[in-house]
C-alpha atoms as a PDB file:
ATOM      1  CA  MET A   1       1.175 124.246 150.448  1.00  0.00           C
ATOM      2  CA  GLU A   2       3.137 121.139 151.170  1.00  0.00           C
ATOM      3  CA  THR A   3       6.706 121.383 152.369  1.00  0.00           C
ATOM      4  CA  PRO A   4       9.324 118.772 151.556  1.00  0.00           C
ATOM      5  CA  GLN A   5       8.843 117.384 155.020  1.00  0.00           C
ATOM      6  CA  ASN A   6       5.101 116.950 154.348  1.00  0.00           C
ATOM      7  CA  ASP A   7       5.638 115.470 150.829  1.00  0.00           C
ATOM      8  CA  PRO A   8       5.898 111.709 151.201  1.00  0.00           C
ATOM      9  CA  GLN A   9       7.819 111.486 147.861  1.00  0.00           C
ATOM     10  CA  TRP A  10      10.571 114.029 148.607  1.00  0.00           C
ATOM     11  CA  GLU A  11      13.045 111.499 150.053  1.00  0.00           C
ATOM     12  CA  ARG A  12      12.650 109.241 147.074  1.00  0.00           C
ATOM     13  CA  GLN A  13      13.036 112.117 144.597  1.00  0.00           C
ATOM     14  CA  LEU A  14      16.159 113.327 146.399  1.00  0.00           C
ATOM     15  CA  LEU A  15      17.706 109.861 146.316  1.00  0.00           C
ATOM     16  CA  GLU A  16      16.924 109.564 142.598  1.00  0.00           C
ATOM     17  CA  LYS A  17      18.607 112.909 141.908  1.00  0.00           C
ATOM     18  CA  ILE A  18      21.693 111.871 143.893  1.00  0.00           C
ATOM     19  CA  ALA A  19      21.848 108.499 142.129  1.00  0.00           C
ATOM     20  CA  PHE A  20      21.409 110.124 138.712  1.00  0.00           C
ATOM     21  CA  SER A  21      24.116 112.692 139.462  1.00  0.00           C
ATOM     22  CA  THR A  22      26.496 109.972 140.651  1.00  0.00           C
ATOM     23  CA  LEU A  23      25.766 107.895 137.553  1.00  0.00           C
ATOM     24  CA  GLN A  24      26.462 110.860 135.265  1.00  0.00           C
ATOM     25  CA  GLU A  25      29.735 111.532 137.075  1.00  0.00           C
ATOM     26  CA  GLN A  26      30.823 107.904 136.713  1.00  0.00           C
ATOM     27  CA  LYS A  27      29.996 107.954 132.986  1.00  0.00           C
ATOM     28  CA  ALA A  28      32.069 111.118 132.542  1.00  0.00           C
ATOM     29  CA  LYS A  29      35.017 109.564 134.386  1.00  0.00           C
ATOM     30  CA  ARG A  30      34.703 106.438 132.283  1.00  0.00           C
ATOM     31  CA  ARG A  31      34.705 108.459 129.069  1.00  0.00           C
ATOM     32  CA  TRP A  32      37.791 110.416 130.136  1.00  0.00           C
ATOM     33  CA  GLY A  33      39.492 107.168 131.166  1.00  0.00           C
ATOM     34  CA  ILE A  34      38.826 105.647 127.743  1.00  0.00           C
ATOM     35  CA  PHE A  35      40.061 108.823 126.080  1.00  0.00           C
ATOM     36  CA  PHE A  36      43.369 108.798 127.981  1.00  0.00           C
ATOM     37  CA  LYS A  37      43.870 105.080 127.354  1.00  0.00           C
ATOM     38  CA  LEU A  38      43.346 105.575 123.623  1.00  0.00           C
ATOM     39  CA  ALA A  39      45.730 108.535 123.674  1.00  0.00           C
ATOM     40  CA  VAL A  40      48.443 106.436 125.355  1.00  0.00           C
ATOM     41  CA  LEU A  41      47.825 103.586 122.887  1.00  0.00           C
ATOM     42  CA  ALA A  42      48.123 105.970 119.936  1.00  0.00           C
ATOM     43  CA  TYR A  43      51.394 107.309 121.369  1.00  0.00           C
ATOM     44  CA  LEU A  44      52.832 103.807 121.760  1.00  0.00           C
ATOM     45  CA  VAL A  45      51.800 102.882 118.210  1.00  0.00           C
ATOM     46  CA  ALA A  46      53.491 106.031 116.906  1.00  0.00           C
ATOM     47  CA  VAL A  47      56.700 105.145 118.793  1.00  0.00           C
ATOM     48  CA  LEU A  48      56.658 101.586 117.419  1.00  0.00           C
ATOM     49  CA  VAL A  49      56.209 102.854 113.873  1.00  0.00           C
ATOM     50  CA  LEU A  50      59.245 105.104 114.317  1.00  0.00           C
ATOM     51  CA  VAL A  51      61.663 102.701 116.011  1.00  0.00           C
ATOM     52  CA  VAL A  52      60.730  99.206 114.800  1.00  0.00           C
ATOM     53  CA  ASP A  53      61.800  97.836 111.452  1.00  0.00           C
ATOM     54  CA  TRP A  54      58.603  96.559 109.831  1.00  0.00           C
ATOM     55  CA  GLY A  55      60.328  94.726 107.021  1.00  0.00           C
ATOM     56  CA  ASP A  56      60.382  95.271 103.302  1.00  0.00           C
ATOM     57  CA  SER A  57      57.982  98.185 102.800  1.00  0.00           C
ATOM     58  CA  GLU A  58      60.701 100.112 100.985  1.00  0.00           C
ATOM     59  CA  LYS A  59      61.062  97.319  98.451  1.00  0.00           C
ATOM     60  CA  LEU A  60      57.428  97.626  97.378  1.00  0.00           C
ATOM     61  CA  ALA A  61      58.446 100.412  95.016  1.00  0.00           C
ATOM     62  CA  ASP A  62      59.319  99.060  91.586  1.00  0.00           C
ATOM     63  CA  GLY A  63      61.542 100.296  88.809  1.00  0.00           C
ATOM     64  CA  ARG A  64      65.244 100.312  88.060  1.00  0.00           C
ATOM     65  CA  HIS A  65      67.329 100.984  91.160  1.00  0.00           C
ATOM     66  CA  THR A  66      70.612 100.420  92.990  1.00  0.00           C
ATOM     67  CA  ALA A  67      70.283  97.897  95.793  1.00  0.00           C
ATOM     68  CA  VAL A  68      72.115  98.683  99.046  1.00  0.00           C
ATOM     69  CA  VAL A  69      73.188  96.167 101.693  1.00  0.00           C
ATOM     70  CA  TYR A  70      74.790  97.532 104.860  1.00  0.00           C
ATOM     71  CA  LEU A  71      77.533  95.497 106.543  1.00  0.00           C
ATOM     72  CA  HIS A  72      78.009  97.302 109.847  1.00  0.00           C
ATOM     73  CA  GLY A  73      79.924  96.363 112.980  1.00  0.00           C
ATOM     74  CA  VAL A  74      81.707  93.201 114.046  1.00  0.00           C
ATOM     75  CA  ILE A  75      81.119  90.214 111.768  1.00  0.00           C
ATOM     76  CA  GLU A  76      79.767  87.517 114.083  1.00  0.00           C
ATOM     77  CA  PRO A  77      77.031  84.836 114.008  1.00  0.00           C
ATOM     78  CA  THR A  78      74.596  86.731 116.250  1.00  0.00           C
ATOM     79  CA  GLY A  79      75.232  90.313 115.147  1.00  0.00           C
ATOM     80  CA  GLU A  80      73.829  92.640 112.506  1.00  0.00           C
ATOM     81  CA  ALA A  81      76.716  91.647 110.240  1.00  0.00           C
ATOM     82  CA  SER A  82      76.177  87.901 110.460  1.00  0.00           C
ATOM     83  CA  ALA A  83      76.609  85.790 107.344  1.00  0.00           C
ATOM     84  CA  GLU A  84      72.938  84.803 107.502  1.00  0.00           C
ATOM     85  CA  LYS A  85      71.727  88.410 107.375  1.00  0.00           C
ATOM     86  CA  ILE A  86      74.204  89.682 104.791  1.00  0.00           C
ATOM     87  CA  THR A  87      73.850  86.756 102.382  1.00  0.00           C
ATOM     88  CA  GLY A  88      70.063  86.827 102.753  1.00  0.00           C
ATOM     89  CA  ALA A  89      69.974  90.524 101.877  1.00  0.00           C
ATOM     90  CA  LEU A  90      72.285  90.028  98.903  1.00  0.00           C
ATOM     91  CA  GLN A  91      70.175  87.164  97.573  1.00  0.00           C
ATOM     92  CA  ALA A  92      67.032  89.284  97.799  1.00  0.00           C
ATOM     93  CA  ALA A  93      68.771  92.156  96.015  1.00  0.00           C
ATOM     94  CA  TYR A  94      69.953  89.935  93.157  1.00  0.00           C
ATOM     95  CA  GLU A  95      66.523  88.338  92.748  1.00  0.00           C
ATOM     96  CA  ASP A  96      64.753  91.686  92.315  1.00  0.00           C
ATOM     97  CA  LYS A  97      64.222  92.301  88.601  1.00  0.00           C
ATOM     98  CA  GLY A  98      64.620  96.043  89.096  1.00  0.00           C
ATOM     99  CA  THR A  99      68.147  95.778  90.508  1.00  0.00           C
ATOM    100  CA  ALA A 100      70.639  97.437  88.163  1.00  0.00           C
ATOM    101  CA  GLY A 101      73.595  97.081  90.530  1.00  0.00           C
ATOM    102  CA  ILE A 102      74.398  96.403  94.174  1.00  0.00           C
ATOM    103  CA  VAL A 103      76.374  98.468  96.648  1.00  0.00           C
ATOM    104  CA  LEU A 104      77.739  96.670  99.707  1.00  0.00           C
ATOM    105  CA  ARG A 105      78.172  99.504 102.202  1.00  0.00           C
ATOM    106  CA  ILE A 106      80.923  98.436 104.627  1.00  0.00           C
ATOM    107  CA  ASN A 107      81.838  99.871 108.012  1.00  0.00           C
ATOM    108  CA  SER A 108      83.436  96.993 109.927  1.00  0.00           C
ATOM    109  CA  PRO A 109      86.628  96.265 111.896  1.00  0.00           C
ATOM    110  CA  GLY A 110      86.358  92.569 111.037  1.00  0.00           C
ATOM    111  CA  GLY A 111      85.364  89.575 113.120  1.00  0.00           C
ATOM    112  CA  SER A 112      84.849  85.862 112.579  1.00  0.00           C
ATOM    113  CA  PRO A 113      86.924  84.352 109.750  1.00  0.00           C
ATOM    114  CA  VAL A 114      84.213  81.759 109.157  1.00  0.00           C
ATOM    115  CA  GLN A 115      81.384  84.306 108.882  1.00  0.00           C
ATOM    116  CA  SER A 116      83.550  86.527 106.658  1.00  0.00           C
ATOM    117  CA  GLY A 117      84.402  83.556 104.453  1.00  0.00           C
ATOM    118  CA  ILE A 118      80.759  82.551 104.060  1.00  0.00           C
ATOM    119  CA  ILE A 119      79.805  86.069 102.940  1.00  0.00           C
ATOM    120  CA  HIS A 120      82.807  86.264 100.583  1.00  0.00           C
ATOM    121  CA  ASP A 121      82.031  82.924  98.935  1.00  0.00           C
ATOM    122  CA  GLU A 122      78.337  83.746  98.548  1.00  0.00           C
ATOM    123  CA  ILE A 123      79.173  87.028  96.817  1.00  0.00           C
ATOM    124  CA  LEU A 124      81.335  85.153  94.308  1.00  0.00           C
ATOM    125  CA  ARG A 125      78.544  82.640  93.712  1.00  0.00           C
ATOM    126  CA  LEU A 126      75.935  85.333  93.176  1.00  0.00           C
ATOM    127  CA  ARG A 127      78.198  87.339  90.874  1.00  0.00           C
ATOM    128  CA  ALA A 128      78.768  84.253  88.726  1.00  0.00           C
ATOM    129  CA  LYS A 129      75.029  83.511  88.659  1.00  0.00           C
ATOM    130  CA  HIS A 130      74.104  87.125  87.793  1.00  0.00           C
ATOM    131  CA  PRO A 131      76.990  88.419  85.640  1.00  0.00           C
ATOM    132  CA  ASP A 132      74.876  91.331  84.378  1.00  0.00           C
ATOM    133  CA  ILE A 133      74.444  92.800  87.874  1.00  0.00           C
ATOM    134  CA  PRO A 134      77.682  94.365  89.219  1.00  0.00           C
ATOM    135  CA  LEU A 135      78.441  94.483  92.926  1.00  0.00           C
ATOM    136  CA  TYR A 136      80.571  97.279  94.363  1.00  0.00           C
ATOM    137  CA  ALA A 137      81.935  97.662  97.891  1.00  0.00           C
ATOM    138  CA  VAL A 138      81.800 101.184  99.342  1.00  0.00           C
ATOM    139  CA  VAL A 139      83.942 101.700 102.449  1.00  0.00           C
ATOM    140  CA  GLU A 140      82.950 104.274 105.028  1.00  0.00           C
ATOM    141  CA  ASP A 141      85.037 104.691 108.208  1.00  0.00           C
ATOM    142  CA  ILE A 142      86.740 101.311 108.328  1.00  0.00           C
ATOM    143  CA  CYS A 143      87.059  98.146 106.271  1.00  0.00           C
ATOM    144  CA  ALA A 144      89.603  96.053 108.124  1.00  0.00           C
ATOM    145  CA  SER A 145      90.475  92.391 108.407  1.00  0.00           C
ATOM    146  CA  GLY A 146      87.250  90.363 108.031  1.00  0.00           C
ATOM    147  CA  GLY A 147      85.551  93.406 106.533  1.00  0.00           C
ATOM    148  CA  TYR A 148      88.231  93.577 103.863  1.00  0.00           C
ATOM    149  CA  TYR A 149      88.024  89.795 103.382  1.00  0.00           C
ATOM    150  CA  VAL A 150      84.409  90.398 102.298  1.00  0.00           C
ATOM    151  CA  ALA A 151      85.197  93.508 100.228  1.00  0.00           C
ATOM    152  CA  VAL A 152      87.697  91.788  97.907  1.00  0.00           C
ATOM    153  CA  ALA A 153      84.863  89.657  96.523  1.00  0.00           C
ATOM    154  CA  ALA A 154      83.306  92.774  94.948  1.00  0.00           C
ATOM    155  CA  ASP A 155      83.888  93.966  91.366  1.00  0.00           C
ATOM    156  CA  ARG A 156      85.428  97.186  92.649  1.00  0.00           C
ATOM    157  CA  ILE A 157      86.140  98.819  96.023  1.00  0.00           C
ATOM    158  CA  TYR A 158      85.442 102.522  96.618  1.00  0.00           C
ATOM    159  CA  VAL A 159      86.754 104.439  99.644  1.00  0.00           C
ATOM    160  CA  ASN A 160      86.964 107.844 101.230  1.00  0.00           C
ATOM    161  CA  ARG A 161      90.382 109.489 101.506  1.00  0.00           C
ATOM    162  CA  ALA A 162      90.301 109.021 105.277  1.00  0.00           C
ATOM    163  CA  SER A 163      88.840 105.486 105.325  1.00  0.00           C
ATOM    164  CA  ILE A 164      90.884 102.850 107.161  1.00  0.00           C
ATOM    165  CA  VAL A 165      91.592  99.832 104.946  1.00  0.00           C
ATOM    166  CA  GLY A 166      93.589  96.637 105.355  1.00  0.00           C
ATOM    167  CA  SER A 167      94.666  94.736 108.475  1.00  0.00           C
ATOM    168  CA  ILE A 168      95.253  91.551 106.506  1.00  0.00           C
ATOM    169  CA  GLY A 169      96.065  89.307 109.426  1.00  0.00           C
ATOM    170  CA  VAL A 170      94.614  86.971 112.047  1.00  0.00           C
ATOM    171  CA  LEU A 171      94.684  87.124 115.821  1.00  0.00           C
ATOM    172  CA  MET A 172      93.790  84.896 118.751  1.00  0.00           C
ATOM    173  CA  ASP A 173      93.392  86.843 121.974  1.00  0.00           C
ATOM    174  CA  GLY A 174      92.668  86.000 125.578  1.00  0.00           C
ATOM    175  CA  PHE A 175      93.951  86.408 129.145  1.00  0.00           C
ATOM    176  CA  GLY A 176      96.103  84.456 131.585  1.00  0.00           C
ATOM    177  CA  PHE A 177      95.173  84.441 135.278  1.00  0.00           C
ATOM    178  CA  THR A 178      97.787  82.074 136.758  1.00  0.00           C
ATOM    179  CA  GLY A 179      99.750  84.794 138.588  1.00  0.00           C
ATOM    180  CA  THR A 180      96.588  86.273 140.093  1.00  0.00           C
ATOM    181  CA  MET A 181      95.397  82.841 141.183  1.00  0.00           C
ATOM    182  CA  ASP A 182      98.730  82.145 142.915  1.00  0.00           C
ATOM    183  CA  LYS A 183      98.479  85.413 144.866  1.00  0.00           C
ATOM    184  CA  LEU A 184      94.925  84.618 145.924  1.00  0.00           C
ATOM    185  CA  GLY A 185      95.764  81.033 146.827  1.00  0.00           C
ATOM    186  CA  VAL A 186      93.351  79.623 144.253  1.00  0.00           C
ATOM    187  CA  GLU A 187      94.115  76.160 142.856  1.00  0.00           C
ATOM    188  CA  ARG A 188      93.055  75.272 139.316  1.00  0.00           C
ATOM    189  CA  ARG A 189      91.513  71.800 139.133  1.00  0.00           C
ATOM    190  CA  LEU A 190      91.130  70.886 135.463  1.00  0.00           C
ATOM    191  CA  LEU A 191      90.288  67.343 134.398  1.00  0.00           C
ATOM    192  CA  THR A 192      90.407  66.414 130.714  1.00  0.00           C
ATOM    193  CA  ALA A 193      90.210  63.363 128.476  1.00  0.00           C
ATOM    194  CA  GLY A 194      92.818  64.120 125.842  1.00  0.00           C
ATOM    195  CA  GLU A 195      96.078  65.860 126.682  1.00  0.00           C
ATOM    196  CA  ASN A 196      95.221  68.963 124.651  1.00  0.00           C
ATOM    197  CA  LYS A 197      91.544  69.298 125.599  1.00  0.00           C
ATOM    198  CA  GLY A 198      92.427  72.214 127.858  1.00  0.00           C
ATOM    199  CA  PHE A 199      93.997  73.985 124.888  1.00  0.00           C
ATOM    200  CA  LEU A 200      95.293  77.436 125.966  1.00  0.00           C
ATOM    201  CA  ASP A 201      93.262  77.319 129.165  1.00  0.00           C
ATOM    202  CA  PRO A 202      93.524  80.852 130.679  1.00  0.00           C
ATOM    203  CA  PHE A 203      93.708  79.469 134.226  1.00  0.00           C
ATOM    204  CA  SER A 204      96.663  77.157 133.581  1.00  0.00           C
ATOM    205  CA  PRO A 205     100.304  77.935 132.703  1.00  0.00           C
ATOM    206  CA  GLN A 206     100.821  78.382 128.973  1.00  0.00           C
ATOM    207  CA  ASP A 207     102.001  75.222 127.270  1.00  0.00           C
ATOM    208  CA  GLU A 208     104.691  75.912 124.636  1.00  0.00           C
ATOM    209  CA  LYS A 209     103.592  72.975 122.495  1.00  0.00           C
ATOM    210  CA  GLN A 210     100.014  74.251 122.420  1.00  0.00           C
ATOM    211  CA  LYS A 211     101.256  77.783 121.743  1.00  0.00           C
ATOM    212  CA  ALA A 212     103.216  76.533 118.728  1.00  0.00           C
ATOM    213  CA  HIS A 213     100.167  74.685 117.441  1.00  0.00           C
ATOM    214  CA  ALA A 214      98.067  77.845 117.810  1.00  0.00           C
ATOM    215  CA  ARG A 215     100.596  79.724 115.681  1.00  0.00           C
ATOM    216  CA  LEU A 216     100.292  77.034 112.988  1.00  0.00           C
ATOM    217  CA  LEU A 217      96.503  77.400 113.108  1.00  0.00           C
ATOM    218  CA  LEU A 218      96.696  81.176 112.764  1.00  0.00           C
ATOM    219  CA  GLY A 219      99.264  80.818 109.980  1.00  0.00           C
ATOM    220  CA  GLU A 220      96.942  78.586 107.969  1.00  0.00           C
ATOM    221  CA  ILE A 221      94.016  81.011 108.279  1.00  0.00           C
ATOM    222  CA  HIS A 222      96.335  83.913 107.409  1.00  0.00           C
ATOM    223  CA  LYS A 223      97.481  82.033 104.318  1.00  0.00           C
ATOM    224  CA  GLN A 224      93.856  81.600 103.236  1.00  0.00           C
ATOM    225  CA  PHE A 225      93.247  85.333 103.786  1.00  0.00           C
ATOM    226  CA  ILE A 226      96.243  86.309 101.645  1.00  0.00           C
ATOM    227  CA  GLU A 227      95.151  84.004  98.842  1.00  0.00           C
ATOM    228  CA  VAL A 228      91.633  85.473  98.871  1.00  0.00           C
ATOM    229  CA  VAL A 229      93.062  89.005  98.599  1.00  0.00           C
ATOM    230  CA  ARG A 230      95.354  88.041  95.729  1.00  0.00           C
ATOM    231  CA  GLN A 231      92.545  86.359  93.834  1.00  0.00           C
ATOM    232  CA  GLY A 232      90.113  89.195  94.420  1.00  0.00           C
ATOM    233  CA  ARG A 233      92.435  92.071  93.546  1.00  0.00           C
ATOM    234  CA  GLY A 234      94.472  90.336  90.860  1.00  0.00           C
ATOM    235  CA  LYS A 235      96.908  92.497  88.924  1.00  0.00           C
ATOM    236  CA  ARG A 236      95.604  95.637  90.629  1.00  0.00           C
ATOM    237  CA  LEU A 237      97.462  94.648  93.799  1.00  0.00           C
ATOM    238  CA  LYS A 238     100.905  96.191  94.265  1.00  0.00           C
ATOM    239  CA  GLU A 239     102.360  93.921  96.921  1.00  0.00           C
ATOM    240  CA  THR A 240     104.850  95.216  99.483  1.00  0.00           C
ATOM    241  CA  PRO A 241     106.651  93.337 102.298  1.00  0.00           C
ATOM    242  CA  GLU A 242     104.241  94.887 104.848  1.00  0.00           C
ATOM    243  CA  MET A 243     100.998  94.429 102.939  1.00  0.00           C
ATOM    244  CA  PHE A 244     100.038  91.192 104.689  1.00  0.00           C
ATOM    245  CA  SER A 245     101.538  92.059 108.080  1.00  0.00           C
ATOM    246  CA  GLY A 246      98.294  93.304 109.618  1.00  0.00           C
ATOM    247  CA  LEU A 247      98.961  97.008 108.982  1.00  0.00           C
ATOM    248  CA  MET A 248      96.190  99.370 107.891  1.00  0.00           C
ATOM    249  CA  TRP A 249      96.267 102.272 105.458  1.00  0.00           C
ATOM    250  CA  ALA A 250      94.258 105.404 104.752  1.00  0.00           C
ATOM    251  CA  GLY A 251      91.905 105.249 101.802  1.00  0.00           C
ATOM    252  CA  SER A 252      94.234 107.365  99.647  1.00  0.00           C
ATOM    253  CA  GLN A 253      97.136 104.966 100.332  1.00  0.00           C
ATOM    254  CA  SER A 254      94.951 101.915  99.719  1.00  0.00           C
ATOM    255  CA  ILE A 255      94.269 103.114  96.173  1.00  0.00           C
ATOM    256  CA  GLN A 256      97.999 103.508  95.504  1.00  0.00           C
ATOM    257  CA  LEU A 257      98.615  99.971  96.800  1.00  0.00           C
ATOM    258  CA  GLY A 258      95.779  98.491  94.772  1.00  0.00           C
ATOM    259  CA  LEU A 259      93.827  97.466  97.865  1.00  0.00           C
ATOM    260  CA  SER A 260      90.971  99.623  96.594  1.00  0.00           C
ATOM    261  CA  ASP A 261      90.075 101.212  93.265  1.00  0.00           C
ATOM    262  CA  ASP A 262      88.799 104.770  93.591  1.00  0.00           C
ATOM    263  CA  TYR A 263      87.033 107.350  95.732  1.00  0.00           C
ATOM    264  CA  GLY A 264      83.284 107.070  96.030  1.00  0.00           C
ATOM    265  CA  THR A 265      80.187 107.035  98.213  1.00  0.00           C
ATOM    266  CA  VAL A 266      76.972 105.055  98.024  1.00  0.00           C
ATOM    267  CA  ASP A 267      75.266 107.937  96.219  1.00  0.00           C
ATOM    268  CA  SER A 268      78.104 108.648  93.778  1.00  0.00           C
ATOM    269  CA  VAL A 269      78.543 104.991  92.853  1.00  0.00           C
ATOM    270  CA  ALA A 270      74.795 104.593  92.277  1.00  0.00           C
ATOM    271  CA  ARG A 271      74.669 107.785  90.214  1.00  0.00           C
ATOM    272  CA  ASP A 272      77.929 107.640  88.244  1.00  0.00           C
ATOM    273  CA  VAL A 273      78.830 103.935  88.074  1.00  0.00           C
ATOM    274  CA  VAL A 274      75.593 101.944  88.245  1.00  0.00           C
ATOM    275  CA  LYS A 275      73.675 104.775  86.532  1.00  0.00           C
ATOM    276  CA  ALA A 276      70.649 104.210  88.767  1.00  0.00           C
ATOM    277  CA  GLU A 277      70.306 106.958  91.377  1.00  0.00           C
ATOM    278  CA  LYS A 278      67.303 105.434  93.111  1.00  0.00           C
ATOM    279  CA  LEU A 279      68.453 103.514  96.217  1.00  0.00           C
ATOM    280  CA  LEU A 280      66.636 100.623  97.896  1.00  0.00           C
ATOM    281  CA  ASP A 281      67.956  99.227 101.172  1.00  0.00           C
ATOM    282  CA  TYR A 282      67.799  95.419 101.397  1.00  0.00           C
ATOM    283  CA  SER A 283      69.600  95.164 104.755  1.00  0.00           C
ATOM    284  CA  VAL A 284      68.029  92.721 107.203  1.00  0.00           C
ATOM    285  CA  LYS A 285      67.408  94.281 110.611  1.00  0.00           C
ATOM    286  CA  ASP A 286      66.000  92.932 113.862  1.00  0.00           C
ATOM    287  CA  ASN A 287      63.280  94.728 115.752  1.00  0.00           C
ATOM    288  CA  ILE A 288      63.904  95.825 119.346  1.00  0.00           C
ATOM    289  CA  ALA A 289      62.614  92.624 120.966  1.00  0.00           C
ATOM    290  CA  GLU A 290      64.685  90.407 118.665  1.00  0.00           C
ATOM    291  CA  ARG A 291      67.841  92.437 119.288  1.00  0.00           C
ATOM    292  CA  PHE A 292      67.407  92.136 123.061  1.00  0.00           C
ATOM    293  CA  ALA A 293      66.629  88.421 122.941  1.00  0.00           C
ATOM    294  CA  LYS A 294      69.572  87.600 120.682  1.00  0.00           C
ATOM    295  CA  ARG A 295      71.973  89.740 122.692  1.00  0.00           C
ATOM    296  CA  LEU A 296      70.867  88.035 125.905  1.00  0.00           C
ATOM    297  CA  GLY A 297      71.129  84.605 124.280  1.00  0.00           C
ATOM    298  CA  ALA A 298      74.600  85.378 122.930  1.00  0.00           C
ATOM    299  CA  ASP A 299      75.850  86.488 126.338  1.00  0.00           C
ATOM    300  CA  VAL A 300      74.489  83.346 128.011  1.00  0.00           C
ATOM    301  CA  ALA A 301      75.969  81.089 125.317  1.00  0.00           C
ATOM    302  CA  ARG A 302      79.335  82.824 125.558  1.00  0.00           C
ATOM    303  CA  ASN A 303      79.441  82.388 129.333  1.00  0.00           C
ATOM    304  CA  LEU A 304      78.456  78.724 129.083  1.00  0.00           C
ATOM    305  CA  SER A 305      81.089  78.128 126.400  1.00  0.00           C
ATOM    306  CA  PHE A 306      83.744  79.765 128.543  1.00  0.00           C
ATOM    307  CA  GLY A 307      82.831  77.621 131.535  1.00  0.00           C
ATOM    308  CA  LEU A 308      82.286  74.298 129.777  1.00  0.00           C
ATOM    309  CA  LEU A 309      85.040  74.405 127.170  1.00  0.00           C
ATOM    310  CA  GLY A 310      87.589  76.131 129.375  1.00  0.00           C
ATOM    311  CA  GLY A 311      88.699  78.467 126.580  1.00  0.00           C
ATOM    312  CA  GLY A 312      88.949  82.227 126.626  1.00  0.00           C
ATOM    313  CA  GLU A 313      90.712  82.389 123.267  1.00  0.00           C
ATOM    314  CA  GLN A 314      88.912  83.635 120.172  1.00  0.00           C
ATOM    315  CA  THR A 315      90.232  83.576 116.632  1.00  0.00           C
ATOM    316  CA  GLN A 316      89.269  86.662 114.659  1.00  0.00           C
ATOM    317  CA  LEU A 317      90.108  88.504 111.475  1.00  0.00           C
ATOM    318  CA  ARG A 318      90.674  91.743 113.356  1.00  0.00           C
END
């Protein structure tokens, strides 16, 4: 009987067994690695489906419905409530043949007078183009200043009893650092071509002539705001000496003053006024990457504007 030591093939057979075992172990590890990678990929896909807005899938459903456009937050060029997003959503809602009525759901403290004006004017244009499709504004927590500027373009305004409505005024805010600079021994060196190019520069003493001009500018924009409110609300408005002073009122008071029409929510207006309970959201939303990129771009642009133009003042309907 031959022993392994006497078998000339035993070393080779042993090496083959070891190699085969190692190969099987590597294949098993590879399979488990692929499994875990696929599991992680599936998890990431599930997260993306949950958190990323994939567009207009909700609009694929047809039939008679109430279109909803959400105006949320500060009205500004780069935000969710920019004129580009709101007007685009409204246009899409009006163009849908199944739209029985539109609800503009507002929760905004105001913002840019230009952006607010663009949205307001586009609503009037679309209402004139589609007279058979009513548009109603539904106020949630707040509809102030620029938000109200937009709301008065609607056929009717619905509020909650505790909603905050009004603030019909204009402001220009900023800071002055001259006293701090004097204490720190910092000298402001500002060179301009044009005596008013450094208009309301926060690092220079306030110029009374420029201050007076700023008040004229604000007064003109305020005048435009008042006229828009009067045109939009018409005979429903019960003007008081304080109505256009920048004060705000609770929803219940706003109805008494004619700033709004009645109590209502998105659901109740769709059900009881439009008579189409089915809701479709046409709001335009950025995905996560777009939100981050735009926010970063806005911050960079704001900092560059502050440094290059020398102005910390911003005019807002707030």
